[in-house]
Amino acid sequence: MSLQNTLTATGLLGCAWWAGAMASMSLYAIPAALQTGPDPKFAIRAWHDVYTRGRATGPGLALATLATLASAAYFRHRDGKTWKHLVVAGVLNMAIVPFTQFMVPTNNTLLAAAGGLKTLSWEQTEVLLGKWKVLNLCRSGLPFLGGLIGIWFTLEEGELTI
């Protein structure tokens, strides 16, 4: 496998992996946290752990994936092959960072509760975690879409085979 194909495969797998990891937070971790009720501190603690892990890994992984796909796009452009789909995939993967701005009010309220600066009722906790779950699931669609676009056009050209 050439360096170009290795970079392409690594970047596209990075998109798919991160989309799945983010979606699993919404589909599995948050529903599990909501099973800890009726004391909100346990659900908030579980969310905080998921949030902290995602915040520590997500932006760096998105940037590394963008760099990998941009490198692959450069080599493909240099060789006269189509390349824009890889840039689109990388940018969509990186778009999780600005999308997070939609989540800031929810994050800040939950972070304040996790830090003991704010007290939430169980009902408030359910609403906030439900909102976070939906927003995060929407956010996970960005790298998923990027990966699909990248894989589709790469397979269409016959550059990589399944």
Protein backbone atom coordinates (compact mmCIF):
# COMPACT_ATOMS: atom_id res chain seq x y z
CA MET A 1 0.00 0.00 0.00
CA SER A 2 1.38 3.40 -0.96
CA LEU A 3 1.88 6.28 1.48
CA GLN A 4 -0.98 8.11 -0.23
CA ASN A 5 -3.35 5.17 0.28
CA THR A 6 -2.16 4.70 3.86
CA LEU A 7 -2.83 8.36 4.65
CA THR A 8 -6.24 8.19 2.97
CA ALA A 9 -7.27 5.02 4.79
CA THR A 10 -5.97 6.30 8.13
CA GLY A 11 -7.78 9.62 7.79
CA LEU A 12 -11.07 8.08 6.71
CA LEU A 13 -10.91 5.46 9.44
CA GLY A 14 -10.22 8.32 11.89
CA CYS A 15 -13.45 10.01 10.75
CA ALA A 16 -15.44 6.81 11.16
CA TRP A 17 -13.89 5.90 14.49
CA TRP A 18 -14.45 9.32 16.03
CA ALA A 19 -18.03 9.48 14.74
CA GLY A 20 -18.71 6.13 16.38
CA ALA A 21 -17.01 7.09 19.62
CA MET A 22 -19.02 10.31 19.87
CA ALA A 23 -22.27 8.61 18.96
CA SER A 24 -21.67 5.95 21.61
CA MET A 25 -21.46 8.69 24.24
CA SER A 26 -24.99 9.74 23.32
CA LEU A 27 -26.43 6.31 22.61
CA TYR A 28 -24.94 4.37 25.53
CA ALA A 29 -23.13 6.48 28.13
CA ILE A 30 -25.78 9.14 28.72
CA PRO A 31 -28.70 6.68 28.94
CA ALA A 32 -26.62 4.66 31.42
CA ALA A 33 -25.92 7.83 33.43
CA LEU A 34 -29.64 8.55 33.53
CA GLN A 35 -30.24 5.13 35.08
CA THR A 36 -28.43 6.26 38.25
CA GLY A 37 -31.33 8.47 39.46
CA PRO A 38 -32.98 9.90 41.43
CA ASP A 39 -29.94 11.67 42.95
CA PRO A 40 -28.57 13.86 40.14
CA LYS A 41 -24.99 13.90 41.44
CA PHE A 42 -24.29 10.40 40.12
CA ALA A 43 -25.62 11.13 36.63
CA ILE A 44 -23.73 14.42 36.55
CA ARG A 45 -20.54 12.70 37.69
CA ALA A 46 -20.93 10.08 34.94
CA TRP A 47 -21.54 12.81 32.32
CA HIS A 48 -18.54 14.75 33.59
CA ASP A 49 -16.29 11.73 33.11
CA VAL A 50 -17.55 11.22 29.54
CA TYR A 51 -17.24 14.95 28.81
CA THR A 52 -13.70 15.15 30.22
CA ARG A 53 -12.51 12.18 28.18
CA GLY A 54 -14.10 13.51 25.00
CA ARG A 55 -12.70 16.99 25.53
CA ALA A 56 -9.22 15.57 26.09
CA THR A 57 -9.20 13.45 22.93
CA GLY A 58 -11.68 14.94 20.46
CA PRO A 59 -10.05 18.14 19.21
CA GLY A 60 -6.62 16.52 18.89
CA LEU A 61 -8.01 13.54 17.02
CA ALA A 62 -10.00 15.83 14.73
CA LEU A 63 -6.88 17.88 13.99
CA ALA A 64 -4.74 14.78 13.39
CA THR A 65 -7.38 13.40 11.04
CA LEU A 66 -7.56 16.71 9.18
CA ALA A 67 -3.75 16.75 8.84
CA THR A 68 -3.71 13.17 7.58
CA LEU A 69 -6.44 13.81 5.02
CA ALA A 70 -4.87 17.12 3.95
CA SER A 71 -1.57 15.31 3.36
CA ALA A 72 -3.32 12.64 1.32
CA ALA A 73 -5.14 15.36 -0.64
CA TYR A 74 -1.84 17.11 -1.35
CA PHE A 75 -0.27 13.95 -2.78
CA ARG A 76 -3.38 13.21 -4.84
CA HIS A 77 -3.43 16.77 -6.20
CA ARG A 78 0.26 16.53 -7.02
CA ASP A 79 -0.39 13.30 -8.94
CA GLY A 80 -3.33 14.79 -10.87
CA LYS A 81 -5.98 12.80 -9.02
CA THR A 82 -9.17 14.07 -7.41
CA TRP A 83 -8.48 15.37 -3.94
CA LYS A 84 -11.20 17.77 -2.80
CA HIS A 85 -13.32 15.01 -1.24
CA LEU A 86 -10.52 14.34 1.25
CA VAL A 87 -10.38 18.01 2.24
CA VAL A 88 -14.16 18.02 2.69
CA ALA A 89 -13.91 14.89 4.86
CA GLY A 90 -11.19 16.46 7.01
CA VAL A 91 -13.02 19.77 7.39
CA LEU A 92 -16.27 18.02 8.36
CA ASN A 93 -14.37 16.00 10.93
CA MET A 94 -12.79 19.17 12.34
CA ALA A 95 -16.19 20.90 12.35
CA ILE A 96 -16.92 19.25 15.70
CA VAL A 97 -14.93 22.05 17.31
CA PRO A 98 -17.09 25.01 16.18
CA PHE A 99 -20.26 22.90 16.55
CA THR A 100 -19.42 22.64 20.24
CA GLN A 101 -20.37 26.33 20.56
CA PHE A 102 -24.02 25.21 20.33
CA MET A 103 -23.39 23.05 23.38
CA VAL A 104 -21.65 25.65 25.57
CA PRO A 105 -24.69 26.76 27.62
CA THR A 106 -25.61 23.14 28.40
CA ASN A 107 -21.99 22.23 29.09
CA ASN A 108 -21.48 25.21 31.39
CA THR A 109 -24.55 24.40 33.47
CA LEU A 110 -23.56 20.74 33.79
CA LEU A 111 -19.94 21.68 34.56
CA ALA A 112 -21.10 24.05 37.29
CA ALA A 113 -23.20 21.25 38.79
CA ALA A 114 -20.30 18.80 38.53
CA GLY A 115 -18.06 21.30 40.32
CA GLY A 116 -20.57 21.87 43.10
CA LEU A 117 -21.22 25.47 42.05
CA LYS A 118 -24.83 24.82 41.07
CA THR A 119 -27.49 22.48 42.39
CA LEU A 120 -29.76 20.77 39.89
CA SER A 121 -32.91 18.79 40.51
CA TRP A 122 -33.28 15.35 38.97
CA GLU A 123 -35.73 16.79 36.42
CA GLN A 124 -33.29 19.54 35.42
CA THR A 125 -30.52 16.97 35.13
CA GLU A 126 -32.64 14.75 32.89
CA VAL A 127 -33.49 17.70 30.63
CA LEU A 128 -29.89 18.91 30.38
CA LEU A 129 -28.43 15.46 29.77
CA GLY A 130 -31.16 14.78 27.21
CA LYS A 131 -30.30 18.00 25.40
CA TRP A 132 -26.58 17.22 25.54
CA LYS A 133 -27.26 13.71 24.22
CA VAL A 134 -29.10 15.06 21.16
CA LEU A 135 -26.58 17.82 20.43
CA ASN A 136 -23.67 15.43 20.77
CA LEU A 137 -25.35 12.88 18.51
CA CYS A 138 -25.87 15.62 15.90
CA ARG A 139 -22.22 16.61 16.29
CA SER A 140 -21.14 13.01 15.70
CA GLY A 141 -22.84 13.21 12.31
CA LEU A 142 -20.18 15.63 11.05
CA PRO A 143 -17.24 13.19 11.03
CA PHE A 144 -19.62 10.42 9.94
CA LEU A 145 -20.69 12.46 6.90
CA GLY A 146 -17.07 13.40 6.20
CA GLY A 147 -16.02 9.77 6.33
CA LEU A 148 -18.87 8.73 4.03
CA ILE A 149 -18.00 11.40 1.47
CA GLY A 150 -14.33 10.50 1.58
CA ILE A 151 -14.92 6.77 1.35
CA TRP A 152 -17.51 7.11 -1.42
CA PHE A 153 -15.30 9.14 -3.75
CA THR A 154 -12.17 7.16 -2.93
CA LEU A 155 -13.90 3.85 -3.68
CA GLU A 156 -15.55 5.36 -6.76
CA GLU A 157 -12.09 5.98 -8.21
CA GLY A 158 -10.95 2.48 -7.38
CA GLU A 159 -8.06 3.81 -5.30
CA LEU A 160 -8.95 1.66 -2.32
CA THR A 161 -10.88 -1.57 -2.44
CA ILE A 162 -12.97 -3.30 0.15
